[in-house]
Amino acid sequence: MTSSRPTPNPGVMDIAAYVPGRETAPGVAKVYKLSSNETPLGSSPKAAEAIEALLGRLELYPDGQSTALREAIAEVHGLNPANILCSNGSDELLGLLAQTYLGPGDEAIYTEHGFLVYKIQILASGATPVCVKEADERADVDAILAAVTGRTKVVFLANPNNPTGTYLPFEEVRRLRAGLPSQVLLVLDAAYAEYVRRNDYESGIELVSSSENVVMTRTFSKIYGLAGLRIGWMYAPAPIIDAVNRVRGPFNVNALAIAAGAAAIRDRALVERAVEHNETWLPRLTAAFEGMGLRVTPSVGNFVLIHFLDDGRHTAEVADAFLVARGFVLRRVTGYGFPNALRMTIGTAEANEGVIAALKDFLSQ
């Protein structure tokens, strides 16, 4: 039967729209937003200076190649700028990769607790999402490889993963790539790479450099504090850069983002302060919550996943309401397969101490 109105492509209406972390706590004088993994240290003053210098030229289109930003990224990471593509947030890159390499009849793999945008972009491309079980809340290489079929075109892997904060050691990532057919694209989403301080972790730069079917995506939204400007970037082999460049928007990164990103990535003192703050509070928060009898998934990111009790009185849902009433906004993660957990971004000292005190009160009731 002919429809009386335009019909979305197959797969689109199967998408559960992404819901960002809550920002408000109605009726509370001071709100501590700890729901979106934003840095508590703010952005670089150098980024603000770069933006201010452009405010008199907003009538001009930005550089469609994001040259200054790509060159700054290449300088800091020791890369060839020709192998870098910039975007309106790393989410855009995930969509562009799906649009470029997936279509009806194809399959793409993501892991059980992986970033929800993977499934959204797979479905939007008309392909079939294949969700693979994790082991102990961490990606399982053997399970991923076992899920590969002749229809598999892309594997999405967040490393570290959000919302768990777990990661795969580099040798496991290398083993994954070695086990994939050469025509399958491995997408390493390293949004939280700057925070990781583990000797066996590598963001993916080395693997991209030595492979033809691996890309690494990164973001300026986390440690660089530029979430409001939406800046992402991808390091990839030349043929993949060429293909994605053909489908992206011609001016997909705005002029203010290009200038601010180039300034921020060169501000190494900002990164060092952010890492030091995270290294101080990540173990402190973990120990505090575990000391209350709560389970915390071991994290290497700038957030912790807190698992609550199944006693009906101290569940994540009840805890969330209790915390919001006191101005502490954490993230419900039911959509990620954790109906009884909250994800907490590591915030300021005041915010962190406040959550610890509030949860002590909550659990004592």
Protein backbone atom coordinates (compact mmCIF):
# COMPACT_ATOMS: atom_id res chain seq x y z
CA MET A 1 0.00 0.00 0.00
CA THR A 2 1.31 3.46 -0.90
CA SER A 3 2.05 5.71 2.08
CA SER A 4 0.31 9.08 2.30
CA ARG A 5 3.46 10.77 3.57
CA PRO A 6 7.25 10.51 3.15
CA THR A 7 8.65 7.26 4.55
CA PRO A 8 12.02 7.07 6.38
CA ASN A 9 14.60 4.64 5.09
CA PRO A 10 14.59 1.11 6.52
CA GLY A 11 16.24 1.00 9.93
CA VAL A 12 15.65 4.65 10.84
CA MET A 13 12.50 4.03 12.89
CA ASP A 14 14.31 1.22 14.76
CA ILE A 15 16.67 3.80 16.24
CA ALA A 16 16.24 4.75 19.88
CA ALA A 17 17.20 8.44 19.84
CA TYR A 18 20.29 9.30 21.88
CA VAL A 19 19.47 10.98 25.20
CA PRO A 20 22.23 13.22 26.62
CA GLY A 21 23.00 13.42 30.31
CA ARG A 22 20.62 15.53 32.37
CA GLU A 23 21.77 19.06 33.19
CA THR A 24 19.29 20.41 35.72
CA ALA A 25 18.02 19.75 39.23
CA PRO A 26 14.77 21.71 39.61
CA GLY A 27 14.42 23.68 42.81
CA VAL A 28 18.08 23.32 43.82
CA ALA A 29 20.16 26.46 44.30
CA LYS A 30 23.49 25.01 43.16
CA VAL A 31 23.76 22.20 40.62
CA TYR A 32 26.83 20.01 40.08
CA LYS A 33 26.55 18.52 36.60
CA LEU A 34 28.44 15.22 36.63
CA SER A 35 26.52 13.50 33.85
CA SER A 36 28.42 14.24 30.62
CA ASN A 37 32.11 13.51 31.31
CA GLU A 38 33.05 17.16 30.89
CA THR A 39 36.30 18.36 32.43
CA PRO A 40 35.92 20.26 35.73
CA LEU A 41 38.90 22.46 34.84
CA GLY A 42 37.31 24.35 31.96
CA SER A 43 38.96 25.14 28.64
CA SER A 44 42.34 26.65 27.84
CA PRO A 45 42.62 30.46 28.05
CA LYS A 46 44.59 30.15 24.81
CA ALA A 47 41.48 28.74 23.13
CA ALA A 48 39.44 31.74 24.30
CA GLU A 49 42.10 34.11 22.96
CA ALA A 50 42.04 32.37 19.59
CA ILE A 51 38.25 32.71 19.41
CA GLU A 52 38.33 36.39 20.37
CA ALA A 53 40.77 37.10 17.57
CA LEU A 54 38.24 35.81 15.03
CA LEU A 55 35.11 37.57 16.26
CA GLY A 56 35.45 40.36 13.71
CA ARG A 57 35.56 37.92 10.78
CA LEU A 58 32.52 35.73 11.28
CA GLU A 59 31.15 36.59 7.84
CA LEU A 60 33.88 34.46 6.24
CA TYR A 61 33.64 30.73 5.58
CA PRO A 62 36.11 28.59 7.53
CA ASP A 63 38.97 26.72 5.90
CA GLY A 64 37.23 23.66 4.49
CA GLN A 65 40.31 21.52 5.11
CA SER A 66 40.80 22.62 8.75
CA THR A 67 44.47 23.05 7.88
CA ALA A 68 45.60 24.88 11.02
CA LEU A 69 43.87 22.34 13.25
CA ARG A 70 45.22 19.32 11.38
CA GLU A 71 48.72 20.77 11.50
CA ALA A 72 48.46 21.39 15.26
CA ILE A 73 47.26 17.82 15.87
CA ALA A 74 50.03 16.46 13.67
CA GLU A 75 52.64 18.55 15.51
CA VAL A 76 51.56 17.35 18.96
CA HIS A 77 51.19 13.67 18.04
CA GLY A 78 53.99 13.38 15.47
CA LEU A 79 51.68 12.51 12.57
CA ASN A 80 51.34 13.35 8.91
CA PRO A 81 48.55 15.96 8.60
CA ALA A 82 47.48 14.33 5.33
CA ASN A 83 46.27 11.35 7.38
CA ILE A 84 44.11 13.50 9.67
CA LEU A 85 40.49 14.48 9.06
CA CYS A 86 38.66 16.88 11.37
CA SER A 87 34.96 16.92 12.14
CA ASN A 88 32.05 18.44 14.01
CA GLY A 89 32.69 16.26 17.06
CA SER A 90 33.89 12.67 16.83
CA ASP A 91 30.22 11.60 16.62
CA GLU A 92 30.16 13.01 13.10
CA LEU A 93 33.11 10.82 12.16
CA LEU A 94 31.28 7.71 13.35
CA GLY A 95 28.38 8.67 11.12
CA LEU A 96 30.61 9.45 8.15
CA LEU A 97 32.40 6.11 8.48
CA ALA A 98 29.07 4.27 8.63
CA GLN A 99 27.78 6.24 5.65
CA THR A 100 30.94 5.51 3.66
CA TYR A 101 31.40 1.82 4.45
CA LEU A 102 27.99 0.40 5.41
CA GLY A 103 24.74 -0.22 3.57
CA PRO A 104 21.77 -2.60 3.43
CA GLY A 105 22.84 -6.21 3.80
CA ASP A 106 26.03 -5.32 5.69
CA GLU A 107 26.73 -6.00 9.36
CA ALA A 108 28.71 -3.95 11.88
CA ILE A 109 29.83 -5.12 15.31
CA TYR A 110 29.85 -3.22 18.59
CA THR A 111 30.17 -4.47 22.15
CA GLU A 112 27.48 -4.98 24.76
CA HIS A 113 28.14 -1.80 26.77
CA GLY A 114 29.63 0.26 23.94
CA PHE A 115 28.76 3.84 23.00
CA LEU A 116 25.10 4.06 21.92
CA VAL A 117 25.96 6.14 18.84
CA TYR A 118 27.50 3.06 17.18
CA LYS A 119 24.15 1.29 16.95
CA ILE A 120 22.42 4.51 15.89
CA GLN A 121 24.80 5.06 12.97
CA ILE A 122 24.74 1.42 11.90
CA LEU A 123 20.95 1.47 11.71
CA ALA A 124 20.93 4.88 10.00
CA SER A 125 23.14 3.46 7.24
CA GLY A 126 20.68 0.62 6.61
CA ALA A 127 23.06 -2.01 7.94
CA THR A 128 22.48 -4.59 10.68
CA PRO A 129 23.96 -3.98 14.15
CA VAL A 130 25.55 -7.01 15.82
CA CYS A 131 25.96 -6.65 19.59
CA VAL A 132 28.68 -8.83 21.12
CA LYS A 133 28.74 -9.80 24.80
CA GLU A 134 31.53 -8.44 26.98
CA ALA A 135 33.45 -10.32 29.65
CA ASP A 136 33.59 -8.68 33.08
CA GLU A 137 32.38 -5.42 31.55
CA ARG A 138 35.27 -5.35 29.09
CA ALA A 139 35.36 -5.99 25.35
CA ASP A 140 36.04 -9.66 24.53
CA VAL A 141 38.29 -10.09 21.49
CA ASP A 142 37.40 -13.75 20.99
CA ALA A 143 33.68 -12.99 21.10
CA ILE A 144 34.10 -10.19 18.56
CA LEU A 145 36.05 -12.40 16.19
CA ALA A 146 33.48 -15.18 16.57
CA ALA A 147 30.74 -12.74 15.50
CA VAL A 148 32.44 -11.84 12.22
CA THR A 149 30.67 -13.14 9.11
CA GLY A 150 31.01 -12.59 5.40
CA ARG A 151 28.65 -9.62 5.79
CA THR A 152 30.75 -7.85 8.47
CA LYS A 153 32.13 -4.57 7.20
CA VAL A 154 32.96 -2.55 10.36
CA VAL A 155 33.89 -3.23 14.00
CA PHE A 156 33.43 -0.33 16.43
CA LEU A 157 35.53 -0.49 19.61
CA ALA A 158 35.62 2.20 22.30
CA ASN A 159 38.95 2.00 24.08
CA PRO A 160 38.61 3.06 26.88
CA ASN A 161 34.92 2.33 26.89
CA ASN A 162 32.13 4.59 28.07
CA PRO A 163 30.30 4.08 30.47
CA THR A 164 32.40 1.31 32.03
CA GLY A 165 35.83 2.98 31.90
CA THR A 166 37.47 -0.37 31.09
CA TYR A 167 40.04 -0.78 28.34
CA LEU A 168 41.77 -3.39 26.20
CA PRO A 169 45.56 -3.64 26.44
CA PHE A 170 47.31 -2.89 23.17
CA GLU A 171 48.28 -6.51 22.56
CA GLU A 172 44.60 -7.48 22.70
CA VAL A 173 43.71 -4.73 20.20
CA ARG A 174 46.55 -5.94 17.98
CA ARG A 175 45.21 -9.50 18.23
CA LEU A 176 41.76 -8.26 17.26
CA ARG A 177 43.07 -6.54 14.15
CA ALA A 178 45.13 -9.58 13.17
CA GLY A 179 42.04 -11.78 13.40
CA LEU A 180 39.84 -9.56 11.24
CA PRO A 181 39.59 -10.03 7.48
CA SER A 182 41.53 -7.31 5.66
CA GLN A 183 38.34 -5.82 4.18
CA VAL A 184 36.77 -5.23 7.62
CA LEU A 185 37.31 -1.72 9.03
CA LEU A 186 38.32 -1.52 12.70
CA VAL A 187 37.25 1.80 14.25
CA LEU A 188 39.11 2.58 17.49
CA ASP A 189 37.22 5.27 19.39
CA ALA A 190 39.81 6.75 21.76
CA ALA A 191 37.80 9.66 23.16
CA TYR A 192 39.31 9.22 26.64
CA ALA A 193 42.85 8.28 25.61
CA GLU A 194 44.47 11.36 27.15
CA TYR A 195 43.38 10.27 30.62
CA VAL A 196 44.80 6.74 30.49
CA ARG A 197 47.97 6.09 32.48
CA ARG A 198 48.65 2.39 31.86
CA ASN A 199 51.83 0.98 30.38
CA ASP A 200 49.91 -1.55 28.29
CA TYR A 201 47.58 0.98 26.66
CA GLU A 202 47.97 2.56 23.22
CA SER A 203 45.36 4.80 21.64
CA GLY A 204 45.67 3.27 18.18
CA ILE A 205 48.16 5.56 16.44
CA GLU A 206 50.73 2.80 16.02
CA LEU A 207 48.18 0.33 14.68
CA VAL A 208 46.74 2.81 12.17
CA SER A 209 50.25 3.60 10.97
CA SER A 210 50.96 -0.06 10.23
CA SER A 211 47.55 -1.09 8.85
CA GLU A 212 45.24 -0.39 5.94
CA ASN A 213 41.96 -1.21 7.73
CA VAL A 214 42.21 0.64 11.07
CA VAL A 215 41.15 4.19 11.98
CA MET A 216 41.35 6.03 15.29
CA THR A 217 38.88 8.73 16.33
CA ARG A 218 39.55 11.35 19.01
CA THR A 219 37.75 14.34 20.52
CA PHE A 220 38.37 17.79 21.99
CA SER A 221 35.25 17.49 24.14
CA LYS A 222 36.83 15.78 27.12
CA ILE A 223 40.27 16.72 28.42
CA TYR A 224 40.51 19.88 26.27
CA GLY A 225 37.21 21.25 27.57
CA LEU A 226 35.82 22.24 24.15
CA ALA A 227 32.61 20.18 24.14
CA GLY A 228 30.59 23.28 23.24
CA LEU A 229 32.55 23.77 20.02
CA ARG A 230 32.19 20.14 18.80
CA ILE A 231 35.62 19.15 17.50
CA GLY A 232 36.68 15.63 16.59
CA TRP A 233 39.45 14.17 14.48
CA MET A 234 40.40 10.93 12.83
CA TYR A 235 43.77 9.41 12.02
CA ALA A 236 43.46 6.98 9.14
CA PRO A 237 45.18 5.50 6.08
CA ALA A 238 45.15 7.75 3.01
CA PRO A 239 42.48 5.79 1.05
CA ILE A 240 40.05 6.04 3.99
CA ILE A 241 40.72 9.76 4.41
CA ASP A 242 40.08 10.19 0.68
CA ALA A 243 36.80 8.27 0.80
CA VAL A 244 35.39 10.04 3.87
CA ASN A 245 36.44 13.44 2.52
CA ARG A 246 34.14 12.80 -0.44
CA VAL A 247 31.02 12.48 1.73
CA ARG A 248 31.62 14.96 4.56
CA GLY A 249 30.22 18.47 4.47
CA PRO A 250 32.55 20.99 2.79
CA PHE A 251 32.74 23.24 5.90
CA ASN A 252 32.02 20.72 8.65
CA VAL A 253 34.29 22.40 11.23
CA ASN A 254 33.57 26.04 12.02
CA ALA A 255 36.25 28.72 12.12
CA LEU A 256 36.06 29.25 15.89
CA ALA A 257 36.49 25.52 16.49
CA ILE A 258 39.48 25.32 14.17
CA ALA A 259 41.28 28.19 15.92
CA ALA A 260 40.37 27.14 19.45
CA GLY A 261 41.28 23.50 18.87
CA ALA A 262 44.68 24.39 17.42
CA ALA A 263 45.42 26.56 20.47
CA ALA A 264 44.08 24.07 23.02
CA ILE A 265 46.00 21.03 21.82
CA ARG A 266 49.26 22.95 22.17
CA ASP A 267 48.43 23.90 25.79
CA ARG A 268 50.21 20.96 27.38
CA ALA A 269 49.98 22.50 30.86
CA LEU A 270 46.19 22.22 30.69
CA VAL A 271 46.41 18.51 29.87
CA GLU A 272 48.89 17.89 32.67
CA ARG A 273 46.64 19.61 35.22
CA ALA A 274 43.64 17.62 34.05
CA VAL A 275 45.51 14.31 34.25
CA GLU A 276 46.84 15.16 37.72
CA HIS A 277 43.33 16.03 38.93
CA ASN A 278 41.98 12.79 37.50
CA GLU A 279 44.77 10.67 38.94
CA THR A 280 44.06 12.16 42.37
CA TRP A 281 40.30 11.70 42.37
CA LEU A 282 39.79 8.49 40.39
CA PRO A 283 41.26 6.21 43.10
CA ARG A 284 39.86 8.39 45.91
CA LEU A 285 36.28 8.16 44.63
CA THR A 286 36.60 4.48 43.85
CA ALA A 287 37.84 3.72 47.37
CA ALA A 288 35.15 5.88 48.96
CA PHE A 289 32.28 4.19 47.13
CA GLU A 290 33.68 0.70 47.64
CA GLY A 291 34.07 1.53 51.32
CA MET A 292 30.31 2.08 51.41
CA GLY A 293 29.69 -1.42 50.08
CA LEU A 294 29.07 -0.36 46.47
CA ARG A 295 30.77 -1.98 43.49
CA VAL A 296 32.73 0.27 41.14
CA THR A 297 33.85 -0.92 37.71
CA PRO A 298 37.64 -0.31 37.46
CA SER A 299 38.00 2.81 35.29
CA VAL A 300 40.85 4.49 33.44
CA GLY A 301 38.71 7.40 32.22
CA ASN A 302 37.46 10.57 33.86
CA PHE A 303 34.38 8.86 35.28
CA VAL A 304 33.33 5.94 37.45
CA LEU A 305 30.45 3.47 37.08
CA ILE A 306 28.82 2.92 40.48
CA HIS A 307 26.66 -0.18 40.98
CA PHE A 308 23.91 0.05 43.59
CA LEU A 309 22.08 -2.47 45.79
CA ASP A 310 19.15 -4.71 44.85
CA ASP A 311 17.35 -4.25 48.16
CA GLY A 312 14.59 -2.05 46.76
CA ARG A 313 15.59 0.92 48.95
CA HIS A 314 19.09 1.68 47.71
CA THR A 315 18.79 1.16 43.97
CA ALA A 316 20.29 3.41 41.30
CA GLU A 317 16.87 4.91 40.57
CA VAL A 318 16.28 5.88 44.19
CA ALA A 319 19.88 7.07 44.58
CA ASP A 320 19.55 9.23 41.48
CA ALA A 321 16.48 10.99 42.87
CA PHE A 322 18.20 11.46 46.24
CA LEU A 323 21.30 12.98 44.63
CA VAL A 324 19.38 15.25 42.25
CA ALA A 325 17.41 16.66 45.17
CA ARG A 326 20.77 17.75 46.60
CA GLY A 327 22.04 19.19 43.33
CA PHE A 328 24.24 16.30 42.19
CA VAL A 329 23.33 15.23 38.65
CA LEU A 330 24.85 11.88 37.64
CA ARG A 331 24.02 9.73 34.60
CA ARG A 332 21.48 6.92 34.46
CA VAL A 333 22.89 4.20 32.18
CA THR A 334 19.93 1.87 31.73
CA GLY A 335 20.28 2.18 27.95
CA TYR A 336 23.80 0.78 28.24
CA GLY A 337 22.63 -2.35 30.01
CA PHE A 338 23.15 -1.11 33.57
CA PRO A 339 19.69 -0.48 35.06
CA ASN A 340 21.10 -0.42 38.60
CA ALA A 341 24.14 1.80 38.14
CA LEU A 342 25.01 5.49 37.87
CA ARG A 343 27.95 6.95 36.00
CA MET A 344 29.68 9.83 37.73
CA THR A 345 32.02 12.22 35.98
CA ILE A 346 34.98 13.21 38.15
CA GLY A 347 34.21 16.82 39.03
CA THR A 348 35.69 19.54 41.18
CA ALA A 349 36.87 18.69 44.68
CA GLU A 350 33.70 20.30 46.04
CA ALA A 351 31.46 18.25 43.79
CA ASN A 352 33.30 15.00 44.48
CA GLU A 353 33.25 15.45 48.23
CA GLY A 354 29.60 16.39 48.02
CA VAL A 355 28.65 13.17 46.23
CA ILE A 356 30.61 11.09 48.75
CA ALA A 357 28.80 12.74 51.65
CA ALA A 358 25.40 12.49 49.97
CA LEU A 359 25.80 8.78 49.19
CA LYS A 360 26.83 8.10 52.78
CA ASP A 361 23.62 9.75 53.91
CA PHE A 362 21.61 7.84 51.32
CA LEU A 363 22.99 4.44 52.26
CA SER A 364 22.53 5.08 55.97
CA GLN A 365 18.77 5.46 55.53
